[in-house]
Amino acid sequence: MEGDAIAVVQSVLSGIALAIGSIFAVIGAIGILRLPDFYSRMHGAGITDTMGAGMILLGLMLQAGLSLVTVKLLLILVFIFFTSPTATHAVAKAALGSGLEPKLGGKEEGPSKT
């Protein structure tokens, strides 16, 4: 009876982690489509990579229990947490170095109405 309760809690926590990861992935995808410039879009991609994938992997680890699969998923998670922010920073620095300027301010450029 106690083992059944633990399995239910494990399944619920896994489902919550998978749902949160999916929500972060969808928010990141919307950010990539809707944000105005390259640097803002990279922020959306970073959310998707780090938090979305991290929570999905956490949910999968909870589903797998204590096994070799969990160890492999943990290694993937550590790899993503180190490489995703580093790659995002490198791409942003390369874009800035090549002359791509970020879009700053909220004022629209165009003819004045005064």
N, C-alpha and C. Protein backbone atom coordinates (compact mmCIF):
# COMPACT_ATOMS: atom_id res chain seq x y z
N MET A 1 0.82 -1.19 0.00
CA MET A 1 0.00 0.00 0.00
C MET A 1 0.86 1.25 0.00
N GLU A 2 1.94 1.23 0.79
CA GLU A 2 2.81 2.40 0.85
C GLU A 2 3.55 2.60 -0.48
N GLY A 3 3.91 1.53 -1.15
CA GLY A 3 4.58 1.63 -2.44
C GLY A 3 3.70 2.26 -3.49
N ASP A 4 2.39 2.00 -3.40
CA ASP A 4 1.46 2.61 -4.35
C ASP A 4 1.38 4.12 -4.17
N ALA A 5 1.40 4.57 -2.92
CA ALA A 5 1.34 6.01 -2.64
C ALA A 5 2.60 6.70 -3.15
N ILE A 6 3.74 6.07 -2.98
CA ILE A 6 5.00 6.65 -3.47
C ILE A 6 4.98 6.72 -5.00
N ALA A 7 4.45 5.69 -5.65
CA ALA A 7 4.38 5.69 -7.11
C ALA A 7 3.45 6.79 -7.61
N VAL A 8 2.35 7.03 -6.89
CA VAL A 8 1.42 8.09 -7.30
C VAL A 8 2.08 9.46 -7.15
N VAL A 9 2.76 9.69 -6.02
CA VAL A 9 3.45 10.97 -5.80
C VAL A 9 4.53 11.17 -6.86
N GLN A 10 5.26 10.11 -7.16
CA GLN A 10 6.31 10.18 -8.18
C GLN A 10 5.72 10.52 -9.54
N SER A 11 4.60 9.91 -9.89
CA SER A 11 3.95 10.19 -11.17
C SER A 11 3.42 11.62 -11.24
N VAL A 12 2.84 12.10 -10.12
CA VAL A 12 2.32 13.46 -10.10
C VAL A 12 3.45 14.48 -10.23
N LEU A 13 4.53 14.29 -9.47
CA LEU A 13 5.66 15.20 -9.56
C LEU A 13 6.28 15.18 -10.96
N SER A 14 6.36 13.99 -11.54
CA SER A 14 6.89 13.87 -12.90
C SER A 14 6.00 14.61 -13.89
N GLY A 15 4.69 14.45 -13.76
CA GLY A 15 3.76 15.15 -14.65
C GLY A 15 3.86 16.66 -14.51
N ILE A 16 4.02 17.14 -13.27
CA ILE A 16 4.17 18.58 -13.04
C ILE A 16 5.44 19.10 -13.69
N ALA A 17 6.55 18.38 -13.52
CA ALA A 17 7.82 18.80 -14.12
C ALA A 17 7.73 18.79 -15.64
N LEU A 18 7.10 17.76 -16.20
CA LEU A 18 6.94 17.70 -17.66
C LEU A 18 6.06 18.83 -18.17
N ALA A 19 4.99 19.15 -17.42
CA ALA A 19 4.10 20.25 -17.83
C ALA A 19 4.82 21.59 -17.77
N ILE A 20 5.57 21.83 -16.69
CA ILE A 20 6.31 23.09 -16.57
C ILE A 20 7.35 23.20 -17.69
N GLY A 21 8.05 22.12 -17.96
CA GLY A 21 9.03 22.13 -19.05
C GLY A 21 8.39 22.39 -20.40
N SER A 22 7.23 21.81 -20.62
CA SER A 22 6.52 22.04 -21.88
C SER A 22 6.06 23.48 -22.00
N ILE A 23 5.58 24.04 -20.88
CA ILE A 23 5.16 25.45 -20.89
C ILE A 23 6.34 26.36 -21.21
N PHE A 24 7.50 26.10 -20.58
CA PHE A 24 8.68 26.90 -20.89
C PHE A 24 9.07 26.76 -22.36
N ALA A 25 8.96 25.56 -22.92
CA ALA A 25 9.30 25.35 -24.33
C ALA A 25 8.36 26.13 -25.24
N VAL A 26 7.07 26.13 -24.91
CA VAL A 26 6.10 26.88 -25.72
C VAL A 26 6.34 28.38 -25.60
N ILE A 27 6.59 28.86 -24.38
CA ILE A 27 6.88 30.28 -24.18
C ILE A 27 8.14 30.69 -24.95
N GLY A 28 9.16 29.84 -24.92
CA GLY A 28 10.38 30.13 -25.68
C GLY A 28 10.13 30.18 -27.17
N ALA A 29 9.30 29.25 -27.67
CA ALA A 29 8.98 29.24 -29.10
C ALA A 29 8.20 30.49 -29.50
N ILE A 30 7.26 30.90 -28.65
CA ILE A 30 6.51 32.13 -28.93
C ILE A 30 7.46 33.33 -28.90
N GLY A 31 8.40 33.32 -27.95
CA GLY A 31 9.38 34.40 -27.87
C GLY A 31 10.24 34.49 -29.11
N ILE A 32 10.62 33.36 -29.65
CA ILE A 32 11.44 33.35 -30.87
C ILE A 32 10.65 33.96 -32.03
N LEU A 33 9.37 33.69 -32.08
CA LEU A 33 8.55 34.21 -33.18
C LEU A 33 8.15 35.67 -33.00
N ARG A 34 7.91 36.10 -31.75
CA ARG A 34 7.30 37.41 -31.52
C ARG A 34 8.27 38.53 -31.15
N LEU A 35 9.42 38.21 -30.61
CA LEU A 35 10.32 39.26 -30.14
C LEU A 35 10.95 40.00 -31.32
N PRO A 36 11.30 41.28 -31.13
CA PRO A 36 11.63 42.15 -32.26
C PRO A 36 13.01 41.97 -32.88
N ASP A 37 14.02 41.59 -32.11
CA ASP A 37 15.35 41.54 -32.72
C ASP A 37 16.07 40.26 -32.33
N PHE A 38 17.24 40.09 -32.92
CA PHE A 38 18.03 38.87 -32.76
C PHE A 38 18.36 38.59 -31.30
N TYR A 39 18.77 39.59 -30.56
CA TYR A 39 19.20 39.39 -29.19
C TYR A 39 18.04 39.02 -28.28
N SER A 40 16.90 39.62 -28.50
CA SER A 40 15.71 39.26 -27.73
C SER A 40 15.28 37.84 -28.06
N ARG A 41 15.38 37.46 -29.30
CA ARG A 41 15.02 36.10 -29.70
C ARG A 41 15.96 35.08 -29.10
N MET A 42 17.21 35.45 -28.95
CA MET A 42 18.15 34.53 -28.31
C MET A 42 17.78 34.28 -26.86
N HIS A 43 17.19 35.27 -26.21
CA HIS A 43 16.72 35.09 -24.84
C HIS A 43 15.61 34.04 -24.81
N GLY A 44 14.69 34.11 -25.76
CA GLY A 44 13.64 33.09 -25.85
C GLY A 44 14.20 31.70 -26.09
N ALA A 45 15.20 31.63 -26.94
CA ALA A 45 15.83 30.33 -27.20
C ALA A 45 16.56 29.81 -25.97
N GLY A 46 17.17 30.70 -25.21
CA GLY A 46 17.87 30.28 -23.99
C GLY A 46 16.91 29.73 -22.95
N ILE A 47 15.73 30.34 -22.83
CA ILE A 47 14.72 29.82 -21.91
C ILE A 47 14.32 28.42 -22.32
N THR A 48 14.08 28.24 -23.61
CA THR A 48 13.67 26.93 -24.11
C THR A 48 14.73 25.88 -23.82
N ASP A 49 15.98 26.19 -24.12
CA ASP A 49 17.05 25.22 -23.93
C ASP A 49 17.26 24.87 -22.46
N THR A 50 17.42 25.88 -21.65
CA THR A 50 17.83 25.64 -20.27
C THR A 50 16.69 25.18 -19.39
N MET A 51 15.66 26.00 -19.25
CA MET A 51 14.58 25.64 -18.33
C MET A 51 13.64 24.60 -18.91
N GLY A 52 13.26 24.76 -20.17
CA GLY A 52 12.34 23.81 -20.77
C GLY A 52 12.90 22.41 -20.81
N ALA A 53 14.07 22.27 -21.39
CA ALA A 53 14.70 20.95 -21.47
C ALA A 53 15.06 20.42 -20.09
N GLY A 54 15.48 21.31 -19.20
CA GLY A 54 15.84 20.88 -17.85
C GLY A 54 14.66 20.30 -17.09
N MET A 55 13.52 20.96 -17.15
CA MET A 55 12.33 20.45 -16.46
C MET A 55 11.80 19.18 -17.11
N ILE A 56 11.86 19.10 -18.43
CA ILE A 56 11.44 17.87 -19.11
C ILE A 56 12.35 16.71 -18.71
N LEU A 57 13.64 16.95 -18.68
CA LEU A 57 14.56 15.89 -18.27
C LEU A 57 14.35 15.49 -16.81
N LEU A 58 14.05 16.47 -15.94
CA LEU A 58 13.75 16.16 -14.55
C LEU A 58 12.51 15.26 -14.45
N GLY A 59 11.48 15.60 -15.21
CA GLY A 59 10.27 14.76 -15.22
C GLY A 59 10.56 13.36 -15.72
N LEU A 60 11.40 13.24 -16.73
CA LEU A 60 11.76 11.91 -17.23
C LEU A 60 12.59 11.14 -16.21
N MET A 61 13.46 11.84 -15.47
CA MET A 61 14.23 11.17 -14.42
C MET A 61 13.33 10.64 -13.31
N LEU A 62 12.31 11.42 -12.97
CA LEU A 62 11.37 10.95 -11.95
C LEU A 62 10.59 9.74 -12.45
N GLN A 63 10.27 9.69 -13.71
CA GLN A 63 9.57 8.54 -14.27
C GLN A 63 10.46 7.30 -14.32
N ALA A 64 11.75 7.48 -14.57
CA ALA A 64 12.66 6.35 -14.72
C ALA A 64 13.03 5.70 -13.39
N GLY A 65 12.92 6.44 -12.28
CA GLY A 65 13.33 5.88 -10.99
C GLY A 65 14.85 5.81 -10.89
N LEU A 66 15.33 5.00 -9.99
CA LEU A 66 16.78 4.84 -9.83
C LEU A 66 17.27 3.74 -10.78
N SER A 67 17.85 4.18 -11.90
CA SER A 67 18.35 3.22 -12.89
C SER A 67 19.46 3.88 -13.69
N LEU A 68 19.99 3.13 -14.61
CA LEU A 68 21.03 3.65 -15.49
C LEU A 68 20.47 4.75 -16.40
N VAL A 69 19.20 4.65 -16.73
CA VAL A 69 18.56 5.68 -17.55
C VAL A 69 18.60 7.03 -16.83
N THR A 70 18.36 7.02 -15.52
CA THR A 70 18.39 8.25 -14.74
C THR A 70 19.79 8.87 -14.75
N VAL A 71 20.80 8.06 -14.65
CA VAL A 71 22.17 8.56 -14.69
C VAL A 71 22.46 9.21 -16.05
N LYS A 72 22.01 8.57 -17.11
CA LYS A 72 22.23 9.12 -18.45
C LYS A 72 21.47 10.44 -18.63
N LEU A 73 20.24 10.49 -18.14
CA LEU A 73 19.46 11.74 -18.22
C LEU A 73 20.11 12.84 -17.39
N LEU A 74 20.67 12.50 -16.25
CA LEU A 74 21.36 13.48 -15.42
C LEU A 74 22.59 14.03 -16.13
N LEU A 75 23.33 13.17 -16.81
CA LEU A 75 24.49 13.63 -17.57
C LEU A 75 24.07 14.56 -18.71
N ILE A 76 22.97 14.24 -19.38
CA ILE A 76 22.46 15.11 -20.43
C ILE A 76 22.07 16.46 -19.85
N LEU A 77 21.41 16.45 -18.67
CA LEU A 77 20.98 17.68 -18.01
C LEU A 77 22.18 18.56 -17.65
N VAL A 78 23.21 17.97 -17.09
CA VAL A 78 24.42 18.73 -16.74
C VAL A 78 25.06 19.31 -18.00
N PHE A 79 25.11 18.51 -19.06
CA PHE A 79 25.69 18.98 -20.32
C PHE A 79 24.90 20.17 -20.87
N ILE A 80 23.58 20.09 -20.82
CA ILE A 80 22.75 21.20 -21.33
C ILE A 80 22.94 22.45 -20.48
N PHE A 81 22.99 22.29 -19.15
CA PHE A 81 23.13 23.46 -18.28
C PHE A 81 24.47 24.18 -18.47
N PHE A 82 25.50 23.45 -18.90
CA PHE A 82 26.78 24.12 -19.15
C PHE A 82 26.90 24.65 -20.57
N THR A 83 26.40 23.91 -21.54
CA THR A 83 26.64 24.29 -22.93
C THR A 83 25.64 25.30 -23.47
N SER A 84 24.39 25.25 -23.05
CA SER A 84 23.39 26.15 -23.61
C SER A 84 23.68 27.62 -23.33
N PRO A 85 23.92 28.02 -22.08
CA PRO A 85 24.25 29.44 -21.85
C PRO A 85 25.56 29.86 -22.51
N THR A 86 26.52 28.94 -22.54
CA THR A 86 27.81 29.25 -23.17
C THR A 86 27.64 29.46 -24.67
N ALA A 87 26.87 28.60 -25.32
CA ALA A 87 26.65 28.74 -26.76
C ALA A 87 25.85 30.00 -27.07
N THR A 88 24.85 30.30 -26.25
CA THR A 88 24.06 31.51 -26.47
C THR A 88 24.94 32.75 -26.34
N HIS A 89 25.81 32.76 -25.35
CA HIS A 89 26.72 33.90 -25.17
C HIS A 89 27.68 34.03 -26.35
N ALA A 90 28.21 32.90 -26.81
CA ALA A 90 29.16 32.94 -27.93
C ALA A 90 28.49 33.45 -29.20
N VAL A 91 27.26 33.01 -29.46
CA VAL A 91 26.56 33.47 -30.67
C VAL A 91 26.23 34.96 -30.56
N ALA A 92 25.79 35.41 -29.39
CA ALA A 92 25.48 36.83 -29.20
C ALA A 92 26.74 37.69 -29.35
N LYS A 93 27.85 37.22 -28.80
CA LYS A 93 29.10 37.98 -28.91
C LYS A 93 29.58 38.03 -30.36
N ALA A 94 29.42 36.93 -31.10
CA ALA A 94 29.81 36.92 -32.51
C ALA A 94 28.92 37.85 -33.32
N ALA A 95 27.62 37.88 -33.01
CA ALA A 95 26.71 38.78 -33.73
C ALA A 95 27.06 40.23 -33.45
N LEU A 96 27.36 40.55 -32.19
CA LEU A 96 27.74 41.93 -31.85
C LEU A 96 29.06 42.30 -32.51
N GLY A 97 30.00 41.35 -32.54
CA GLY A 97 31.29 41.60 -33.18
C GLY A 97 31.19 41.80 -34.68
N SER A 98 30.18 41.19 -35.29
CA SER A 98 30.02 41.35 -36.74
C SER A 98 29.25 42.61 -37.11
N GLY A 99 28.81 43.36 -36.08
CA GLY A 99 28.16 44.64 -36.36
C GLY A 99 26.65 44.65 -36.22
N LEU A 100 26.05 43.56 -35.78
CA LEU A 100 24.61 43.54 -35.59
C LEU A 100 24.27 44.24 -34.27
N GLU A 101 23.64 45.40 -34.38
CA GLU A 101 23.33 46.21 -33.20
C GLU A 101 21.99 45.79 -32.61
N PRO A 102 21.89 45.79 -31.29
CA PRO A 102 20.59 45.48 -30.68
C PRO A 102 19.60 46.62 -30.87
N LYS A 103 18.35 46.27 -30.89
CA LYS A 103 17.28 47.27 -31.01
C LYS A 103 17.04 47.83 -29.61
N LEU A 104 17.30 49.11 -29.42
CA LEU A 104 17.18 49.73 -28.11
C LEU A 104 16.03 50.73 -28.08
N GLY A 105 15.45 50.88 -26.92
CA GLY A 105 14.39 51.89 -26.74
C GLY A 105 13.07 51.43 -27.28
N GLY A 106 12.05 52.21 -26.95
CA GLY A 106 10.71 51.86 -27.38
C GLY A 106 10.16 52.80 -28.41
N LYS A 107 10.93 53.79 -28.84
CA LYS A 107 10.44 54.77 -29.80
C LYS A 107 10.49 54.21 -31.21
N GLU A 108 9.42 54.44 -31.93
CA GLU A 108 9.39 54.02 -33.33
C GLU A 108 10.03 55.09 -34.20
N GLU A 109 10.73 54.63 -35.19
CA GLU A 109 11.34 55.57 -36.13
C GLU A 109 10.34 55.85 -37.25
N GLY A 110 10.23 57.07 -37.62
CA GLY A 110 9.31 57.41 -38.69
C GLY A 110 9.07 58.90 -38.69
N PRO A 111 8.17 59.35 -39.56
CA PRO A 111 7.89 60.78 -39.65
C PRO A 111 7.22 61.29 -38.37
N SER A 112 7.58 62.48 -38.00
CA SER A 112 7.01 63.11 -36.83
C SER A 112 5.63 63.66 -37.13
N LYS A 113 4.71 63.57 -36.15
CA LYS A 113 3.35 64.04 -36.37
C LYS A 113 3.13 65.46 -35.84
N THR A 114 4.19 66.19 -35.52
CA THR A 114 4.03 67.55 -35.00
C THR A 114 4.08 68.59 -36.08
